[in-house]
């Protein structure tokens, strides 16, 4: 891994303003996990950069293609060569590679295609680091603002003929002998030889159900606390994500008000609660 990415990863996971080390899934080369037949890609690998998301998605499929049993599915069983969970940058990049290879695959998405990027702040500048990294396969990036990036990626998805199935995968079960079962929220199941988990790390945010929450100035994720320096910011929530957001904003010069529905903060880590009580 280049020195630039090593330094970035060290900051991201050990020097984030919240001061805690982020917990990540354990994975090996090309996203392999302890669950046979299941790989993770994209943000779950610990580096939330567009190029790395595209790269890890494509590389995971190439690794699957190198397996001697790839393509040995039983046609009569209806099982897939590959099931991809998540239609973000990494998931669609994996799908493009699977399409090129002629695999029988499906992509499942619980919310919307490219959800993380779609939820970037309006007109957010896009930086495709590391600049010297050249992508082979998967999605390619030339746009420099959020809206253009979404259009660019969607055009590539459509051109590649990638279809996305709206569905929520509740859990994944490895049954051995090259069989992985996806259990869906509607109680149905899907059987595949391989599974790529590309769900990102932003989660599904809870809406407040109040007037104005659809305005452009309302966000469900913090991308750059420096953008809010000198501004009045309301952070809603009492968990670690909310507290770490408040801490980061305050450290960058924002005037933060924390709103929580309960009288005391109890869900978050003790160190986060202590910092918030001092700063906010």
C-alpha atoms as a PDB file:
ATOM      1  CA  UNK A   1       0.000   0.000   0.000  1.00  0.00           C
ATOM      2  CA  UNK A   2       1.476   3.392  -0.968  1.00  0.00           C
ATOM      3  CA  UNK A   3       2.786   5.614   1.810  1.00  0.00           C
ATOM      4  CA  UNK A   4       0.053   8.181   1.155  1.00  0.00           C
ATOM      5  CA  UNK A   5      -2.676   5.633   1.793  1.00  0.00           C
ATOM      6  CA  UNK A   6      -0.898   4.279   4.866  1.00  0.00           C
ATOM      7  CA  UNK A   7      -0.799   7.779   6.359  1.00  0.00           C
ATOM      8  CA  UNK A   8      -4.420   8.418   5.438  1.00  0.00           C
ATOM      9  CA  UNK A   9      -5.537   5.130   6.950  1.00  0.00           C
ATOM     10  CA  UNK A  10      -3.604   5.832  10.156  1.00  0.00           C
ATOM     11  CA  UNK A  11      -5.299   9.220  10.529  1.00  0.00           C
ATOM     12  CA  UNK A  12      -8.734   7.900   9.671  1.00  0.00           C
ATOM     13  CA  UNK A  13      -8.715   5.059  12.151  1.00  0.00           C
ATOM     14  CA  UNK A  14      -6.525   6.360  14.987  1.00  0.00           C
ATOM     15  CA  UNK A  15      -6.488  10.173  14.815  1.00  0.00           C
ATOM     16  CA  UNK A  16     -10.093  11.099  13.976  1.00  0.00           C
ATOM     17  CA  UNK A  17     -11.141  13.995  16.264  1.00  0.00           C
ATOM     18  CA  UNK A  18     -13.217  11.617  18.376  1.00  0.00           C
ATOM     19  CA  UNK A  19      -9.907  10.110  19.478  1.00  0.00           C
ATOM     20  CA  UNK A  20     -10.940   6.454  19.274  1.00  0.00           C
ATOM     21  CA  UNK A  21      -9.827   3.616  17.014  1.00  0.00           C
ATOM     22  CA  UNK A  22     -12.526   2.568  14.574  1.00  0.00           C
ATOM     23  CA  UNK A  23     -13.603  -1.064  14.572  1.00  0.00           C
ATOM     24  CA  UNK A  24     -13.578  -2.749  11.170  1.00  0.00           C
ATOM     25  CA  UNK A  25     -14.492  -6.207   9.875  1.00  0.00           C
ATOM     26  CA  UNK A  26     -11.549  -8.596   9.684  1.00  0.00           C
ATOM     27  CA  UNK A  27     -10.669  -9.467   6.104  1.00  0.00           C
ATOM     28  CA  UNK A  28      -7.798 -10.872   4.095  1.00  0.00           C
ATOM     29  CA  UNK A  29      -6.556 -10.436   0.516  1.00  0.00           C
ATOM     30  CA  UNK A  30      -9.249  -9.380  -1.965  1.00  0.00           C
ATOM     31  CA  UNK A  31     -11.774  -9.015   0.862  1.00  0.00           C
ATOM     32  CA  UNK A  32     -11.907 -12.665   1.905  1.00  0.00           C
ATOM     33  CA  UNK A  33     -13.560 -13.236   5.307  1.00  0.00           C
ATOM     34  CA  UNK A  34     -13.811 -16.049   7.834  1.00  0.00           C
ATOM     35  CA  UNK A  35     -17.199 -16.937   6.342  1.00  0.00           C
ATOM     36  CA  UNK A  36     -16.533 -19.273   3.382  1.00  0.00           C
ATOM     37  CA  UNK A  37     -17.628 -17.782   0.076  1.00  0.00           C
ATOM     38  CA  UNK A  38     -18.149 -14.263   1.468  1.00  0.00           C
ATOM     39  CA  UNK A  39     -15.977 -11.218   0.711  1.00  0.00           C
ATOM     40  CA  UNK A  40     -16.187  -7.562   1.748  1.00  0.00           C
ATOM     41  CA  UNK A  41     -15.293  -4.577  -0.425  1.00  0.00           C
ATOM     42  CA  UNK A  42     -15.462  -0.789  -0.456  1.00  0.00           C
ATOM     43  CA  UNK A  43     -15.754   1.249   2.740  1.00  0.00           C
ATOM     44  CA  UNK A  44     -15.923  -1.926   4.831  1.00  0.00           C
ATOM     45  CA  UNK A  45     -12.232  -2.528   4.092  1.00  0.00           C
ATOM     46  CA  UNK A  46     -11.370   0.694   5.937  1.00  0.00           C
ATOM     47  CA  UNK A  47     -10.458   3.136   3.150  1.00  0.00           C
ATOM     48  CA  UNK A  48     -13.441   5.283   2.067  1.00  0.00           C
ATOM     49  CA  UNK A  49     -11.964   6.559  -1.194  1.00  0.00           C
ATOM     50  CA  UNK A  50     -13.785   6.304  -4.527  1.00  0.00           C
ATOM     51  CA  UNK A  51     -10.891   4.757  -6.396  1.00  0.00           C
ATOM     52  CA  UNK A  52     -10.283   2.146  -3.731  1.00  0.00           C
ATOM     53  CA  UNK A  53     -13.968   1.273  -3.605  1.00  0.00           C
ATOM     54  CA  UNK A  54     -13.998   0.680  -7.350  1.00  0.00           C
ATOM     55  CA  UNK A  55     -10.716  -1.223  -7.180  1.00  0.00           C
ATOM     56  CA  UNK A  56     -11.729  -3.535  -4.324  1.00  0.00           C
ATOM     57  CA  UNK A  57     -15.039  -4.372  -5.990  1.00  0.00           C
ATOM     58  CA  UNK A  58     -13.390  -5.310  -9.278  1.00  0.00           C
ATOM     59  CA  UNK A  59     -10.514  -7.171  -7.606  1.00  0.00           C
ATOM     60  CA  UNK A  60     -12.875  -9.294  -5.511  1.00  0.00           C
ATOM     61  CA  UNK A  61     -14.536 -10.563  -8.692  1.00  0.00           C
ATOM     62  CA  UNK A  62     -11.176 -11.281 -10.310  1.00  0.00           C
ATOM     63  CA  UNK A  63     -10.224 -13.298  -7.234  1.00  0.00           C
ATOM     64  CA  UNK A  64     -13.464 -15.268  -7.534  1.00  0.00           C
ATOM     65  CA  UNK A  65     -12.697 -15.962 -11.200  1.00  0.00           C
ATOM     66  CA  UNK A  66      -9.369 -17.479 -10.166  1.00  0.00           C
ATOM     67  CA  UNK A  67     -11.121 -20.059  -7.994  1.00  0.00           C
ATOM     68  CA  UNK A  68     -11.160 -23.495  -9.665  1.00  0.00           C
ATOM     69  CA  UNK A  69     -14.837 -24.076  -8.877  1.00  0.00           C
ATOM     70  CA  UNK A  70     -16.129 -20.789 -10.327  1.00  0.00           C
ATOM     71  CA  UNK A  71     -18.809 -21.566 -12.894  1.00  0.00           C
ATOM     72  CA  UNK A  72     -19.526 -24.997 -11.419  1.00  0.00           C
ATOM     73  CA  UNK A  73     -22.984 -24.043 -10.184  1.00  0.00           C
ATOM     74  CA  UNK A  74     -25.850 -26.410 -10.850  1.00  0.00           C
ATOM     75  CA  UNK A  75     -28.044 -24.699 -13.485  1.00  0.00           C
ATOM     76  CA  UNK A  76     -31.142 -26.567 -12.382  1.00  0.00           C
ATOM     77  CA  UNK A  77     -30.789 -25.274  -8.819  1.00  0.00           C
ATOM     78  CA  UNK A  78     -31.196 -21.641  -9.851  1.00  0.00           C
ATOM     79  CA  UNK A  79     -28.190 -20.643  -7.746  1.00  0.00           C
ATOM     80  CA  UNK A  80     -26.050 -17.674  -8.700  1.00  0.00           C
ATOM     81  CA  UNK A  81     -22.332 -17.601  -9.364  1.00  0.00           C
ATOM     82  CA  UNK A  82     -22.280 -14.365  -7.383  1.00  0.00           C
ATOM     83  CA  UNK A  83     -24.639 -12.301  -5.234  1.00  0.00           C
ATOM     84  CA  UNK A  84     -23.635  -8.679  -4.624  1.00  0.00           C
ATOM     85  CA  UNK A  85     -25.146  -6.940  -1.609  1.00  0.00           C
ATOM     86  CA  UNK A  86     -25.092  -3.184  -2.087  1.00  0.00           C
ATOM     87  CA  UNK A  87     -25.298  -1.012  -5.216  1.00  0.00           C
ATOM     88  CA  UNK A  88     -22.760   1.628  -4.305  1.00  0.00           C
ATOM     89  CA  UNK A  89     -19.439   2.311  -6.006  1.00  0.00           C
ATOM     90  CA  UNK A  90     -17.850  -0.984  -4.931  1.00  0.00           C
ATOM     91  CA  UNK A  91     -20.935  -3.087  -5.612  1.00  0.00           C
ATOM     92  CA  UNK A  92     -21.531  -1.711  -9.112  1.00  0.00           C
ATOM     93  CA  UNK A  93     -17.818  -2.020  -9.926  1.00  0.00           C
ATOM     94  CA  UNK A  94     -17.999  -5.676  -8.909  1.00  0.00           C
ATOM     95  CA  UNK A  95     -21.113  -6.111 -11.054  1.00  0.00           C
ATOM     96  CA  UNK A  96     -19.386  -4.622 -14.107  1.00  0.00           C
ATOM     97  CA  UNK A  97     -16.534  -7.129 -13.757  1.00  0.00           C
ATOM     98  CA  UNK A  98     -18.976  -9.995 -13.214  1.00  0.00           C
ATOM     99  CA  UNK A  99     -20.873  -8.959 -16.347  1.00  0.00           C
ATOM    100  CA  UNK A 100     -17.680  -8.911 -18.415  1.00  0.00           C
ATOM    101  CA  UNK A 101     -16.801 -12.400 -17.162  1.00  0.00           C
ATOM    102  CA  UNK A 102     -20.196 -13.827 -18.044  1.00  0.00           C
ATOM    103  CA  UNK A 103     -21.069 -14.803 -14.482  1.00  0.00           C
ATOM    104  CA  UNK A 104     -24.643 -15.361 -13.401  1.00  0.00           C
ATOM    105  CA  UNK A 105     -25.054 -12.676 -10.749  1.00  0.00           C
ATOM    106  CA  UNK A 106     -27.505 -10.318  -9.073  1.00  0.00           C
ATOM    107  CA  UNK A 107     -27.142  -7.011  -7.226  1.00  0.00           C
ATOM    108  CA  UNK A 108     -29.375  -6.288  -4.219  1.00  0.00           C
ATOM    109  CA  UNK A 109     -29.867  -2.793  -2.767  1.00  0.00           C
ATOM    110  CA  UNK A 110     -31.985  -1.848   0.255  1.00  0.00           C
ATOM    111  CA  UNK A 111     -32.158   1.923  -0.353  1.00  0.00           C
ATOM    112  CA  UNK A 112     -31.016   3.605  -3.566  1.00  0.00           C
ATOM    113  CA  UNK A 113     -28.247   3.116  -6.100  1.00  0.00           C
ATOM    114  CA  UNK A 114     -25.040   4.993  -5.175  1.00  0.00           C
ATOM    115  CA  UNK A 115     -26.721   5.972  -1.912  1.00  0.00           C
ATOM    116  CA  UNK A 116     -23.609   7.285  -0.147  1.00  0.00           C
ATOM    117  CA  UNK A 117     -22.637   9.606  -3.002  1.00  0.00           C
ATOM    118  CA  UNK A 118     -26.234  10.713  -3.573  1.00  0.00           C
ATOM    119  CA  UNK A 119     -26.280  11.825   0.071  1.00  0.00           C
ATOM    120  CA  UNK A 120     -23.152  13.957  -0.244  1.00  0.00           C
ATOM    121  CA  UNK A 121     -23.800  17.667   0.406  1.00  0.00           C
ATOM    122  CA  UNK A 122     -25.036  19.611  -2.618  1.00  0.00           C
ATOM    123  CA  UNK A 123     -22.255  20.598  -5.055  1.00  0.00           C
ATOM    124  CA  UNK A 124     -19.672  18.877  -2.877  1.00  0.00           C
ATOM    125  CA  UNK A 125     -16.253  18.899  -4.596  1.00  0.00           C
ATOM    126  CA  UNK A 126     -15.027  15.430  -5.547  1.00  0.00           C
ATOM    127  CA  UNK A 127     -11.385  14.469  -5.099  1.00  0.00           C
ATOM    128  CA  UNK A 128     -10.314  11.178  -6.646  1.00  0.00           C
ATOM    129  CA  UNK A 129      -7.293  10.322  -4.543  1.00  0.00           C
ATOM    130  CA  UNK A 130      -4.695   8.994  -4.999  1.00  0.00           C
ATOM    131  CA  UNK A 131      -4.318  10.923  -8.268  1.00  0.00           C
ATOM    132  CA  UNK A 132      -1.582   8.610  -9.545  1.00  0.00           C
ATOM    133  CA  UNK A 133      -3.748   5.501  -9.166  1.00  0.00           C
ATOM    134  CA  UNK A 134      -5.019   4.146 -12.495  1.00  0.00           C
ATOM    135  CA  UNK A 135      -8.084   1.912 -12.342  1.00  0.00           C
ATOM    136  CA  UNK A 136      -8.363  -1.257 -14.401  1.00  0.00           C
ATOM    137  CA  UNK A 137     -12.011  -2.149 -14.794  1.00  0.00           C
ATOM    138  CA  UNK A 138     -14.895  -1.215 -12.541  1.00  0.00           C
ATOM    139  CA  UNK A 139     -16.214   2.341 -12.440  1.00  0.00           C
ATOM    140  CA  UNK A 140     -14.090   5.209 -13.738  1.00  0.00           C
ATOM    141  CA  UNK A 141     -14.192   8.793 -12.415  1.00  0.00           C
ATOM    142  CA  UNK A 142     -13.636  12.157 -14.119  1.00  0.00           C
ATOM    143  CA  UNK A 143     -16.311  14.382 -12.509  1.00  0.00           C
ATOM    144  CA  UNK A 144     -15.254  16.953  -9.912  1.00  0.00           C
ATOM    145  CA  UNK A 145     -18.593  17.704  -8.221  1.00  0.00           C
ATOM    146  CA  UNK A 146     -21.188  15.419  -6.628  1.00  0.00           C
ATOM    147  CA  UNK A 147     -24.039  15.862  -9.120  1.00  0.00           C
ATOM    148  CA  UNK A 148     -21.829  15.240 -12.146  1.00  0.00           C
ATOM    149  CA  UNK A 149     -20.284  12.221 -10.440  1.00  0.00           C
ATOM    150  CA  UNK A 150     -23.683  10.628  -9.821  1.00  0.00           C
ATOM    151  CA  UNK A 151     -24.645  11.169 -13.477  1.00  0.00           C
ATOM    152  CA  UNK A 152     -21.303   9.779 -14.657  1.00  0.00           C
ATOM    153  CA  UNK A 153     -21.546   6.611 -12.576  1.00  0.00           C
ATOM    154  CA  UNK A 154     -25.194   6.039 -13.450  1.00  0.00           C
ATOM    155  CA  UNK A 155     -24.365   6.345 -17.154  1.00  0.00           C
ATOM    156  CA  UNK A 156     -21.661   3.696 -16.770  1.00  0.00           C
ATOM    157  CA  UNK A 157     -24.035   1.389 -14.908  1.00  0.00           C
ATOM    158  CA  UNK A 158     -26.682   1.679 -17.602  1.00  0.00           C
ATOM    159  CA  UNK A 159     -24.146   1.265 -20.417  1.00  0.00           C
ATOM    160  CA  UNK A 160     -22.859  -1.924 -18.785  1.00  0.00           C
ATOM    161  CA  UNK A 161     -26.385  -3.307 -18.517  1.00  0.00           C
ATOM    162  CA  UNK A 162     -26.272  -3.669 -14.741  1.00  0.00           C
ATOM    163  CA  UNK A 163     -29.698  -4.172 -13.184  1.00  0.00           C
ATOM    164  CA  UNK A 164     -30.307  -3.719  -9.468  1.00  0.00           C
ATOM    165  CA  UNK A 165     -32.920  -5.617  -7.463  1.00  0.00           C
ATOM    166  CA  UNK A 166     -34.548  -3.609  -4.635  1.00  0.00           C
ATOM    167  CA  UNK A 167     -34.282  -5.914  -1.622  1.00  0.00           C
ATOM    168  CA  UNK A 168     -32.994  -5.977   1.936  1.00  0.00           C
ATOM    169  CA  UNK A 169     -30.693  -8.834   2.908  1.00  0.00           C
ATOM    170  CA  UNK A 170     -31.169  -9.611   6.602  1.00  0.00           C
ATOM    171  CA  UNK A 171     -28.362 -12.155   6.997  1.00  0.00           C
ATOM    172  CA  UNK A 172     -25.947 -14.364   5.101  1.00  0.00           C
ATOM    173  CA  UNK A 173     -25.470 -18.051   5.895  1.00  0.00           C
ATOM    174  CA  UNK A 174     -22.581 -20.175   4.631  1.00  0.00           C
ATOM    175  CA  UNK A 175     -23.615 -23.816   4.369  1.00  0.00           C
ATOM    176  CA  UNK A 176     -20.275 -25.147   3.186  1.00  0.00           C
ATOM    177  CA  UNK A 177     -19.492 -27.035  -0.008  1.00  0.00           C
ATOM    178  CA  UNK A 178     -19.612 -23.803  -1.980  1.00  0.00           C
ATOM    179  CA  UNK A 179     -23.101 -22.723  -0.988  1.00  0.00           C
ATOM    180  CA  UNK A 180     -24.056 -19.382   0.556  1.00  0.00           C
ATOM    181  CA  UNK A 181     -27.663 -18.479   1.348  1.00  0.00           C
ATOM    182  CA  UNK A 182     -29.024 -14.934   1.521  1.00  0.00           C
ATOM    183  CA  UNK A 183     -32.019 -14.507   3.816  1.00  0.00           C
ATOM    184  CA  UNK A 184     -34.150 -11.584   2.642  1.00  0.00           C
ATOM    185  CA  UNK A 185     -36.454  -9.354   4.680  1.00  0.00           C
ATOM    186  CA  UNK A 186     -39.508 -10.803   2.905  1.00  0.00           C
ATOM    187  CA  UNK A 187     -38.499 -14.286   4.183  1.00  0.00           C
ATOM    188  CA  UNK A 188     -37.372 -15.459   0.734  1.00  0.00           C
ATOM    189  CA  UNK A 189     -33.887 -16.891   0.157  1.00  0.00           C
ATOM    190  CA  UNK A 190     -31.281 -16.677  -2.594  1.00  0.00           C
ATOM    191  CA  UNK A 191     -28.522 -19.248  -3.072  1.00  0.00           C
ATOM    192  CA  UNK A 192     -25.130 -18.319  -4.517  1.00  0.00           C
ATOM    193  CA  UNK A 193     -21.650 -19.775  -4.871  1.00  0.00           C
ATOM    194  CA  UNK A 194     -20.071 -16.482  -3.809  1.00  0.00           C
ATOM    195  CA  UNK A 195     -21.237 -13.329  -2.037  1.00  0.00           C
ATOM    196  CA  UNK A 196     -19.710  -9.852  -2.083  1.00  0.00           C
ATOM    197  CA  UNK A 197     -20.831  -7.527   0.712  1.00  0.00           C
ATOM    198  CA  UNK A 198     -20.588  -3.912  -0.451  1.00  0.00           C
ATOM    199  CA  UNK A 199     -22.951  -2.158   1.941  1.00  0.00           C
ATOM    200  CA  UNK A 200     -20.700   0.716   2.959  1.00  0.00           C
ATOM    201  CA  UNK A 201     -20.616   2.050   6.483  1.00  0.00           C
ATOM    202  CA  UNK A 202     -23.081   4.967   6.538  1.00  0.00           C
ATOM    203  CA  UNK A 203     -26.088   2.894   7.633  1.00  0.00           C
ATOM    204  CA  UNK A 204     -29.754   3.741   7.144  1.00  0.00           C
ATOM    205  CA  UNK A 205     -30.456   6.991   8.942  1.00  0.00           C
ATOM    206  CA  UNK A 206     -33.638   7.639  10.885  1.00  0.00           C
ATOM    207  CA  UNK A 207     -35.702  10.637   9.803  1.00  0.00           C
ATOM    208  CA  UNK A 208     -37.109  13.096  12.341  1.00  0.00           C
ATOM    209  CA  UNK A 209     -40.506  13.497  10.702  1.00  0.00           C
ATOM    210  CA  UNK A 210     -40.502  17.283  11.004  1.00  0.00           C
ATOM    211  CA  UNK A 211     -40.935  20.135   8.481  1.00  0.00           C
ATOM    212  CA  UNK A 212     -37.718  21.274   6.836  1.00  0.00           C
ATOM    213  CA  UNK A 213     -35.657  18.108   7.150  1.00  0.00           C
ATOM    214  CA  UNK A 214     -35.525  17.769   3.355  1.00  0.00           C
ATOM    215  CA  UNK A 215     -33.762  21.119   2.945  1.00  0.00           C
ATOM    216  CA  UNK A 216     -30.295  21.138   1.358  1.00  0.00           C
ATOM    217  CA  UNK A 217     -28.714  22.257   4.640  1.00  0.00           C
ATOM    218  CA  UNK A 218     -29.843  19.112   6.488  1.00  0.00           C
ATOM    219  CA  UNK A 219     -27.369  16.216   6.373  1.00  0.00           C
ATOM    220  CA  UNK A 220     -27.320  12.687   7.737  1.00  0.00           C
ATOM    221  CA  UNK A 221     -23.561  12.304   7.614  1.00  0.00           C
ATOM    222  CA  UNK A 222     -20.581  14.578   8.213  1.00  0.00           C
ATOM    223  CA  UNK A 223     -17.985  14.590   5.450  1.00  0.00           C
ATOM    224  CA  UNK A 224     -15.792  17.595   6.252  1.00  0.00           C
ATOM    225  CA  UNK A 225     -16.173  19.419   9.587  1.00  0.00           C
ATOM    226  CA  UNK A 226     -14.087  22.332   8.278  1.00  0.00           C
ATOM    227  CA  UNK A 227     -16.948  23.260   5.936  1.00  0.00           C
ATOM    228  CA  UNK A 228     -18.972  24.355   8.992  1.00  0.00           C
ATOM    229  CA  UNK A 229     -16.332  26.513  10.694  1.00  0.00           C
ATOM    230  CA  UNK A 230     -17.935  29.599  12.260  1.00  0.00           C
ATOM    231  CA  UNK A 231     -21.479  28.361  11.615  1.00  0.00           C
ATOM    232  CA  UNK A 232     -24.275  27.440  14.007  1.00  0.00           C
ATOM    233  CA  UNK A 233     -24.889  23.695  13.747  1.00  0.00           C
ATOM    234  CA  UNK A 234     -27.565  21.536  15.365  1.00  0.00           C
ATOM    235  CA  UNK A 235     -26.595  17.874  15.835  1.00  0.00           C
ATOM    236  CA  UNK A 236     -29.492  15.528  16.644  1.00  0.00           C
ATOM    237  CA  UNK A 237     -28.796  12.279  18.476  1.00  0.00           C
ATOM    238  CA  UNK A 238     -27.110  10.832  21.528  1.00  0.00           C
ATOM    239  CA  UNK A 239     -25.088   7.901  20.207  1.00  0.00           C
ATOM    240  CA  UNK A 240     -21.435   7.725  19.260  1.00  0.00           C
ATOM    241  CA  UNK A 241     -22.025   8.984  15.707  1.00  0.00           C
ATOM    242  CA  UNK A 242     -23.806  12.111  16.950  1.00  0.00           C
ATOM    243  CA  UNK A 243     -21.269  12.810  19.684  1.00  0.00           C
ATOM    244  CA  UNK A 244     -18.276  12.260  17.419  1.00  0.00           C
ATOM    245  CA  UNK A 245     -19.856  14.593  14.873  1.00  0.00           C
ATOM    246  CA  UNK A 246     -20.353  17.272  17.534  1.00  0.00           C
ATOM    247  CA  UNK A 247     -16.764  16.855  18.734  1.00  0.00           C
ATOM    248  CA  UNK A 248     -15.315  17.116  15.225  1.00  0.00           C
ATOM    249  CA  UNK A 249     -17.403  20.190  14.374  1.00  0.00           C
ATOM    250  CA  UNK A 250     -16.480  21.968  17.593  1.00  0.00           C
ATOM    251  CA  UNK A 251     -12.799  21.207  17.045  1.00  0.00           C
ATOM    252  CA  UNK A 252     -13.051  22.905  13.641  1.00  0.00           C
ATOM    253  CA  UNK A 253     -14.671  26.087  14.948  1.00  0.00           C
ATOM    254  CA  UNK A 254     -18.399  25.450  14.541  1.00  0.00           C
ATOM    255  CA  UNK A 255     -20.915  26.593  17.178  1.00  0.00           C
ATOM    256  CA  UNK A 256     -22.640  23.326  18.066  1.00  0.00           C
ATOM    257  CA  UNK A 257     -25.915  22.574  19.827  1.00  0.00           C
ATOM    258  CA  UNK A 258     -26.558  18.918  20.655  1.00  0.00           C
ATOM    259  CA  UNK A 259     -30.203  17.820  20.787  1.00  0.00           C
ATOM    260  CA  UNK A 260     -31.086  14.492  22.400  1.00  0.00           C
ATOM    261  CA  UNK A 261     -34.526  13.150  23.275  1.00  0.00           C
ATOM    262  CA  UNK A 262     -33.429  11.855  26.682  1.00  0.00           C
ATOM    263  CA  UNK A 263     -32.241  13.700  29.778  1.00  0.00           C
ATOM    264  CA  UNK A 264     -28.841  12.007  29.936  1.00  0.00           C
ATOM    265  CA  UNK A 265     -26.327  10.681  27.442  1.00  0.00           C
ATOM    266  CA  UNK A 266     -26.016   6.954  28.051  1.00  0.00           C
ATOM    267  CA  UNK A 267     -25.687   5.177  24.697  1.00  0.00           C
ATOM    268  CA  UNK A 268     -22.270   6.506  23.706  1.00  0.00           C
ATOM    269  CA  UNK A 269     -18.769   5.605  24.835  1.00  0.00           C
ATOM    270  CA  UNK A 270     -17.683   7.184  28.111  1.00  0.00           C
ATOM    271  CA  UNK A 271     -14.797   9.044  26.485  1.00  0.00           C
ATOM    272  CA  UNK A 272     -17.132  10.596  23.902  1.00  0.00           C
ATOM    273  CA  UNK A 273     -19.583  11.705  26.579  1.00  0.00           C
ATOM    274  CA  UNK A 274     -16.745  13.267  28.571  1.00  0.00           C
ATOM    275  CA  UNK A 275     -15.455  15.204  25.555  1.00  0.00           C
ATOM    276  CA  UNK A 276     -18.912  16.472  24.623  1.00  0.00           C
ATOM    277  CA  UNK A 277     -19.570  17.690  28.147  1.00  0.00           C
ATOM    278  CA  UNK A 278     -16.346  19.692  27.971  1.00  0.00           C
ATOM    279  CA  UNK A 279     -16.656  21.040  24.427  1.00  0.00           C
ATOM    280  CA  UNK A 280     -20.339  21.473  23.613  1.00  0.00           C
END
